[in-house]
Amino acid sequence: MKKIIIAMLIALIIPCCLFADRGLFDLTLGVAASSDYSVNEQPTEFSIEKFSFGADVEMKLAFVALDGKVMYAPTDKAISGITSANLAIDIFFVRVKAGLGYEYQYNFDDKTFWFGNVNGASTSFGDFKQACFDITAGVDFLISNLTVGVNAVLPTSVSIGRGNWGDLFPTLKDNWKNAKLGLTVGFALL
C-alpha cells in the first residue's frame, strides 16, 4: 500500500513541476508585512502600528523552499523575523508551502536577542535546543516574475530539547488562535 501511495504522489508531483510557472529553481526577493493581530483577535479599530514591515528572501530548489523574513516593528523598537524550511509545490501559477521555522527578535531598547516563540524562547545560543518551533504555511500566486503571497505562522510548544514531536499536529487547533498572518510581494530574480 505504501508503494502505491508513493507512486501516486510521484505521478502527481512530476507533472505539476514540469508545468509550473517557474521551474525547479527560484530565487525571489521582496517586501513583507506581518500583523501583530492574532487570528482570533477582533480589533475594535485598525491600527497600522500593529504591523511590522520588512524584507523577504526565498530560495526554492525542487520541492524545498528556504525563506527568511526581516521585519521592523516600530512600536516595539525591534527587528524581528522568521527563518523557515518548507516543502513547496508549484501547481501551475500557485505555490503551496508548509514547514517549520524559528522566530527571532532583537530589541534596541534593552539590547536583548531571543529566538523561539511565546511558548518557549531562548536568549542564548547554548539554550537553542529549548526554543520552540513555529509551523509556517502559505500560498503564493506566481504571476510571471511577480509573486504575491499570504502566510500564517503558528507557534507550537515543540522543541528539539523537549523531543515532543508528537505534539506538533494534535495542538494545531489550540495554536491556531495565536497564529499571525502576513503578506509578501516579491520579484523572481532567477
C-alpha atoms as a PDB file:
ATOM      1  CA  MET A   1       0.000   0.000   0.000  1.00  0.00           C
ATOM      2  CA  LYS A   2       2.854   2.411   0.844  1.00  0.00           C
ATOM      3  CA  LYS A   3       4.459   1.803  -2.543  1.00  0.00           C
ATOM      4  CA  ILE A   4       1.197   2.612  -4.315  1.00  0.00           C
ATOM      5  CA  ILE A   5       0.787   5.876  -2.378  1.00  0.00           C
ATOM      6  CA  ILE A   6       4.392   6.893  -3.104  1.00  0.00           C
ATOM      7  CA  ALA A   7       3.986   6.079  -6.808  1.00  0.00           C
ATOM      8  CA  MET A   8       0.764   8.103  -6.965  1.00  0.00           C
ATOM      9  CA  LEU A   9       2.433  11.091  -5.263  1.00  0.00           C
ATOM     10  CA  ILE A  10       5.361  10.977  -7.689  1.00  0.00           C
ATOM     11  CA  ALA A  11       2.967  10.661 -10.627  1.00  0.00           C
ATOM     12  CA  LEU A  12       1.135  13.762  -9.386  1.00  0.00           C
ATOM     13  CA  ILE A  13       4.131  15.885  -8.394  1.00  0.00           C
ATOM     14  CA  ILE A  14       6.277  15.451 -11.524  1.00  0.00           C
ATOM     15  CA  PRO A  15       3.679  16.904 -13.953  1.00  0.00           C
ATOM     16  CA  CYS A  16       2.981  19.750 -11.520  1.00  0.00           C
ATOM     17  CA  CYS A  17       6.675  20.685 -11.535  1.00  0.00           C
ATOM     18  CA  LEU A  18       7.044  20.313 -15.281  1.00  0.00           C
ATOM     19  CA  PHE A  19       4.123  22.612 -15.988  1.00  0.00           C
ATOM     20  CA  ALA A  20       4.868  25.020 -13.133  1.00  0.00           C
ATOM     21  CA  ASP A  21       5.407  28.639 -13.962  1.00  0.00           C
ATOM     22  CA  ARG A  22       8.936  28.910 -12.510  1.00  0.00           C
ATOM     23  CA  GLY A  23      10.616  25.522 -12.919  1.00  0.00           C
ATOM     24  CA  LEU A  24      12.818  23.701 -10.413  1.00  0.00           C
ATOM     25  CA  PHE A  25      14.926  26.637  -9.113  1.00  0.00           C
ATOM     26  CA  ASP A  26      13.629  30.006  -7.981  1.00  0.00           C
ATOM     27  CA  LEU A  27      15.158  32.956  -6.101  1.00  0.00           C
ATOM     28  CA  THR A  28      12.738  35.684  -5.038  1.00  0.00           C
ATOM     29  CA  LEU A  29      13.424  38.987  -3.262  1.00  0.00           C
ATOM     30  CA  GLY A  30      10.605  41.121  -1.969  1.00  0.00           C
ATOM     31  CA  VAL A  31       8.842  43.003   0.784  1.00  0.00           C
ATOM     32  CA  ALA A  32       6.753  41.591   3.605  1.00  0.00           C
ATOM     33  CA  ALA A  33       4.179  42.773   6.105  1.00  0.00           C
ATOM     34  CA  SER A  34       3.136  40.883   9.202  1.00  0.00           C
ATOM     35  CA  SER A  35       0.234  41.536  11.520  1.00  0.00           C
ATOM     36  CA  ASP A  36       0.583  41.605  15.293  1.00  0.00           C
ATOM     37  CA  TYR A  37      -3.121  40.776  15.498  1.00  0.00           C
ATOM     38  CA  SER A  38      -3.738  37.108  16.228  1.00  0.00           C
ATOM     39  CA  VAL A  39      -6.267  35.180  14.146  1.00  0.00           C
ATOM     40  CA  ASN A  40      -8.904  35.065  16.905  1.00  0.00           C
ATOM     41  CA  GLU A  41      -8.386  38.703  17.930  1.00  0.00           C
ATOM     42  CA  GLN A  42     -11.124  41.035  16.741  1.00  0.00           C
ATOM     43  CA  PRO A  43      -9.715  44.547  16.956  1.00  0.00           C
ATOM     44  CA  THR A  44     -12.111  47.361  17.729  1.00  0.00           C
ATOM     45  CA  GLU A  45     -10.157  49.685  15.479  1.00  0.00           C
ATOM     46  CA  PHE A  46      -7.497  49.090  12.854  1.00  0.00           C
ATOM     47  CA  SER A  47      -4.019  50.451  13.613  1.00  0.00           C
ATOM     48  CA  ILE A  48      -1.024  50.471  11.251  1.00  0.00           C
ATOM     49  CA  GLU A  49       1.188  50.360  14.355  1.00  0.00           C
ATOM     50  CA  LYS A  50       0.144  46.723  14.860  1.00  0.00           C
ATOM     51  CA  PHE A  51       2.028  45.738  11.679  1.00  0.00           C
ATOM     52  CA  SER A  52       5.691  45.004  11.021  1.00  0.00           C
ATOM     53  CA  PHE A  53       7.259  45.718   7.633  1.00  0.00           C
ATOM     54  CA  GLY A  54      10.449  44.428   6.071  1.00  0.00           C
ATOM     55  CA  ALA A  55      12.185  42.253   3.511  1.00  0.00           C
ATOM     56  CA  ASP A  56      11.651  38.672   2.361  1.00  0.00           C
ATOM     57  CA  VAL A  57      14.082  36.307   0.617  1.00  0.00           C
ATOM     58  CA  GLU A  58      13.024  32.899  -0.661  1.00  0.00           C
ATOM     59  CA  MET A  59      15.083  30.268  -2.460  1.00  0.00           C
ATOM     60  CA  LYS A  60      13.332  27.210  -3.854  1.00  0.00           C
ATOM     61  CA  LEU A  61      15.015  24.124  -5.232  1.00  0.00           C
ATOM     62  CA  ALA A  62      12.677  21.381  -6.460  1.00  0.00           C
ATOM     63  CA  PHE A  63      10.316  20.798  -3.506  1.00  0.00           C
ATOM     64  CA  VAL A  64      12.249  22.598  -0.750  1.00  0.00           C
ATOM     65  CA  ALA A  65      11.937  26.342  -0.122  1.00  0.00           C
ATOM     66  CA  LEU A  66      14.124  28.237   2.360  1.00  0.00           C
ATOM     67  CA  ASP A  67      12.555  31.502   3.443  1.00  0.00           C
ATOM     68  CA  GLY A  68      13.808  34.368   5.576  1.00  0.00           C
ATOM     69  CA  LYS A  69      11.975  37.477   6.705  1.00  0.00           C
ATOM     70  CA  VAL A  70      13.458  40.507   8.476  1.00  0.00           C
ATOM     71  CA  MET A  71      10.926  42.992   9.843  1.00  0.00           C
ATOM     72  CA  TYR A  72      10.969  46.224  11.785  1.00  0.00           C
ATOM     73  CA  ALA A  73       8.315  46.746  14.459  1.00  0.00           C
ATOM     74  CA  PRO A  74       8.099  50.490  15.219  1.00  0.00           C
ATOM     75  CA  THR A  75       6.072  50.147  18.432  1.00  0.00           C
ATOM     76  CA  ASP A  76       8.434  47.532  19.910  1.00  0.00           C
ATOM     77  CA  LYS A  77      11.572  49.250  18.578  1.00  0.00           C
ATOM     78  CA  ALA A  78      12.775  45.831  17.491  1.00  0.00           C
ATOM     79  CA  ILE A  79      13.926  43.891  14.474  1.00  0.00           C
ATOM     80  CA  SER A  80      12.226  40.546  14.225  1.00  0.00           C
ATOM     81  CA  GLY A  81      11.600  37.847  11.686  1.00  0.00           C
ATOM     82  CA  ILE A  82      11.465  34.177  10.939  1.00  0.00           C
ATOM     83  CA  THR A  83      13.601  31.712   9.036  1.00  0.00           C
ATOM     84  CA  SER A  84      11.888  28.578   7.808  1.00  0.00           C
ATOM     85  CA  ALA A  85      12.356  25.466   5.724  1.00  0.00           C
ATOM     86  CA  ASN A  86       9.256  24.473   3.765  1.00  0.00           C
ATOM     87  CA  LEU A  87       8.013  21.809   1.439  1.00  0.00           C
ATOM     88  CA  ALA A  88       6.749  23.749  -1.583  1.00  0.00           C
ATOM     89  CA  ILE A  89       4.772  22.512  -4.556  1.00  0.00           C
ATOM     90  CA  ASP A  90       4.090  24.628  -7.634  1.00  0.00           C
ATOM     91  CA  ILE A  91       0.818  23.830  -9.355  1.00  0.00           C
ATOM     92  CA  PHE A  92       0.668  25.946 -12.497  1.00  0.00           C
ATOM     93  CA  PHE A  93       0.652  29.524 -11.127  1.00  0.00           C
ATOM     94  CA  VAL A  94       0.090  28.670  -7.442  1.00  0.00           C
ATOM     95  CA  ARG A  95       2.740  27.643  -4.888  1.00  0.00           C
ATOM     96  CA  VAL A  96       1.544  25.870  -1.753  1.00  0.00           C
ATOM     97  CA  LYS A  97       4.074  25.575   1.062  1.00  0.00           C
ATOM     98  CA  ALA A  98       4.274  24.396   4.660  1.00  0.00           C
ATOM     99  CA  GLY A  99       7.157  23.813   7.034  1.00  0.00           C
ATOM    100  CA  LEU A 100       8.907  24.646  10.289  1.00  0.00           C
ATOM    101  CA  GLY A 101      10.762  27.767  11.319  1.00  0.00           C
ATOM    102  CA  TYR A 102      12.257  29.790  14.156  1.00  0.00           C
ATOM    103  CA  GLU A 103      11.266  33.307  15.117  1.00  0.00           C
ATOM    104  CA  TYR A 104      13.883  35.761  16.310  1.00  0.00           C
ATOM    105  CA  GLN A 105      13.880  39.303  17.687  1.00  0.00           C
ATOM    106  CA  TYR A 106      16.410  41.960  18.696  1.00  0.00           C
ATOM    107  CA  ASN A 107      15.159  44.800  20.888  1.00  0.00           C
ATOM    108  CA  PHE A 108      17.040  48.094  20.581  1.00  0.00           C
ATOM    109  CA  ASP A 109      15.950  49.488  23.961  1.00  0.00           C
ATOM    110  CA  ASP A 110      17.177  46.727  26.261  1.00  0.00           C
ATOM    111  CA  LYS A 111      19.685  45.183  23.794  1.00  0.00           C
ATOM    112  CA  THR A 112      18.212  41.689  24.127  1.00  0.00           C
ATOM    113  CA  PHE A 113      18.149  38.979  21.489  1.00  0.00           C
ATOM    114  CA  TRP A 114      15.868  35.954  21.652  1.00  0.00           C
ATOM    115  CA  PHE A 115      14.704  33.194  19.353  1.00  0.00           C
ATOM    116  CA  GLY A 116      11.795  30.794  19.557  1.00  0.00           C
ATOM    117  CA  ASN A 117       8.186  31.780  20.180  1.00  0.00           C
ATOM    118  CA  VAL A 118       5.818  32.665  23.026  1.00  0.00           C
ATOM    119  CA  ASN A 119       5.624  29.010  24.098  1.00  0.00           C
ATOM    120  CA  GLY A 120       9.378  28.740  24.590  1.00  0.00           C
ATOM    121  CA  ALA A 121      12.053  31.284  23.779  1.00  0.00           C
ATOM    122  CA  SER A 122      15.760  31.317  24.448  1.00  0.00           C
ATOM    123  CA  THR A 123      18.123  34.249  24.906  1.00  0.00           C
ATOM    124  CA  SER A 124      21.404  32.361  24.487  1.00  0.00           C
ATOM    125  CA  PHE A 125      22.669  30.143  21.728  1.00  0.00           C
ATOM    126  CA  GLY A 126      23.550  27.490  24.317  1.00  0.00           C
ATOM    127  CA  ASP A 127      19.832  27.024  25.032  1.00  0.00           C
ATOM    128  CA  PHE A 128      18.947  26.848  21.338  1.00  0.00           C
ATOM    129  CA  LYS A 129      17.521  23.335  21.766  1.00  0.00           C
ATOM    130  CA  GLN A 130      14.857  24.668  24.141  1.00  0.00           C
ATOM    131  CA  ALA A 131      13.481  27.259  21.677  1.00  0.00           C
ATOM    132  CA  CYS A 132      10.122  26.277  20.214  1.00  0.00           C
ATOM    133  CA  PHE A 133       9.401  25.883  16.510  1.00  0.00           C
ATOM    134  CA  ASP A 134       6.701  27.593  14.503  1.00  0.00           C
ATOM    135  CA  ILE A 135       4.623  25.966  11.796  1.00  0.00           C
ATOM    136  CA  THR A 136       4.619  28.089   8.663  1.00  0.00           C
ATOM    137  CA  ALA A 137       2.085  27.779   5.874  1.00  0.00           C
ATOM    138  CA  GLY A 138       1.459  29.889   2.815  1.00  0.00           C
ATOM    139  CA  VAL A 139       0.043  30.242  -0.653  1.00  0.00           C
ATOM    140  CA  ASP A 140       1.872  32.247  -3.320  1.00  0.00           C
ATOM    141  CA  PHE A 141       0.445  33.352  -6.643  1.00  0.00           C
ATOM    142  CA  LEU A 142       3.131  33.309  -9.346  1.00  0.00           C
ATOM    143  CA  ILE A 143       2.299  35.972 -11.920  1.00  0.00           C
ATOM    144  CA  SER A 144       5.164  35.975 -14.426  1.00  0.00           C
ATOM    145  CA  ASN A 145       8.146  37.190 -12.333  1.00  0.00           C
ATOM    146  CA  LEU A 146       5.907  38.696  -9.650  1.00  0.00           C
ATOM    147  CA  THR A 147       4.964  36.716  -6.540  1.00  0.00           C
ATOM    148  CA  VAL A 148       2.089  37.702  -4.257  1.00  0.00           C
ATOM    149  CA  GLY A 149       1.596  35.529  -1.205  1.00  0.00           C
ATOM    150  CA  VAL A 150      -0.238  35.159   2.073  1.00  0.00           C
ATOM    151  CA  ASN A 151       1.185  33.226   5.005  1.00  0.00           C
ATOM    152  CA  ALA A 152       0.448  32.161   8.549  1.00  0.00           C
ATOM    153  CA  VAL A 153       2.845  31.485  11.418  1.00  0.00           C
ATOM    154  CA  LEU A 154       1.525  29.167  14.140  1.00  0.00           C
ATOM    155  CA  PRO A 155       3.519  28.901  17.373  1.00  0.00           C
ATOM    156  CA  THR A 156       3.996  25.404  18.776  1.00  0.00           C
ATOM    157  CA  SER A 157       5.382  24.055  22.036  1.00  0.00           C
ATOM    158  CA  VAL A 158       7.670  21.622  20.197  1.00  0.00           C
ATOM    159  CA  SER A 159      11.441  21.944  20.559  1.00  0.00           C
ATOM    160  CA  ILE A 160      14.489  19.797  19.912  1.00  0.00           C
ATOM    161  CA  GLY A 161      15.388  19.734  23.623  1.00  0.00           C
ATOM    162  CA  ARG A 162      11.944  18.564  24.700  1.00  0.00           C
ATOM    163  CA  GLY A 163      11.719  15.995  21.903  1.00  0.00           C
ATOM    164  CA  ASN A 164       7.933  16.270  21.931  1.00  0.00           C
ATOM    165  CA  TRP A 165       7.397  15.858  18.167  1.00  0.00           C
ATOM    166  CA  GLY A 166       4.147  14.002  18.828  1.00  0.00           C
ATOM    167  CA  ASP A 167       2.597  17.300  19.996  1.00  0.00           C
ATOM    168  CA  LEU A 168       3.169  19.043  16.659  1.00  0.00           C
ATOM    169  CA  PHE A 169      -0.121  18.207  14.919  1.00  0.00           C
ATOM    170  CA  PRO A 170      -2.523  17.481  17.817  1.00  0.00           C
ATOM    171  CA  THR A 171      -2.041  21.037  19.117  1.00  0.00           C
ATOM    172  CA  LEU A 172      -2.747  22.750  15.770  1.00  0.00           C
ATOM    173  CA  LYS A 173      -6.285  23.708  16.758  1.00  0.00           C
ATOM    174  CA  ASP A 174      -5.132  25.301  20.037  1.00  0.00           C
ATOM    175  CA  ASN A 175      -2.195  27.086  18.387  1.00  0.00           C
ATOM    176  CA  TRP A 176      -4.307  28.466  15.520  1.00  0.00           C
ATOM    177  CA  LYS A 177      -5.798  31.113  17.827  1.00  0.00           C
ATOM    178  CA  ASN A 178      -2.283  32.587  18.292  1.00  0.00           C
ATOM    179  CA  ALA A 179      -1.363  32.471  14.591  1.00  0.00           C
ATOM    180  CA  LYS A 180      -0.155  35.648  12.912  1.00  0.00           C
ATOM    181  CA  LEU A 181      -0.968  36.413   9.283  1.00  0.00           C
ATOM    182  CA  GLY A 182       1.288  38.100   6.763  1.00  0.00           C
ATOM    183  CA  LEU A 183       1.588  39.224   3.160  1.00  0.00           C
ATOM    184  CA  THR A 184       4.575  39.148   0.805  1.00  0.00           C
ATOM    185  CA  VAL A 185       5.207  40.667  -2.599  1.00  0.00           C
ATOM    186  CA  GLY A 186       8.355  39.593  -4.411  1.00  0.00           C
ATOM    187  CA  PHE A 187      10.164  39.586  -7.708  1.00  0.00           C
ATOM    188  CA  ALA A 188      11.832  36.439  -9.059  1.00  0.00           C
ATOM    189  CA  LEU A 189      15.477  37.029  -9.957  1.00  0.00           C
ATOM    190  CA  LEU A 190      16.165  33.536 -11.301  1.00  0.00           C
END
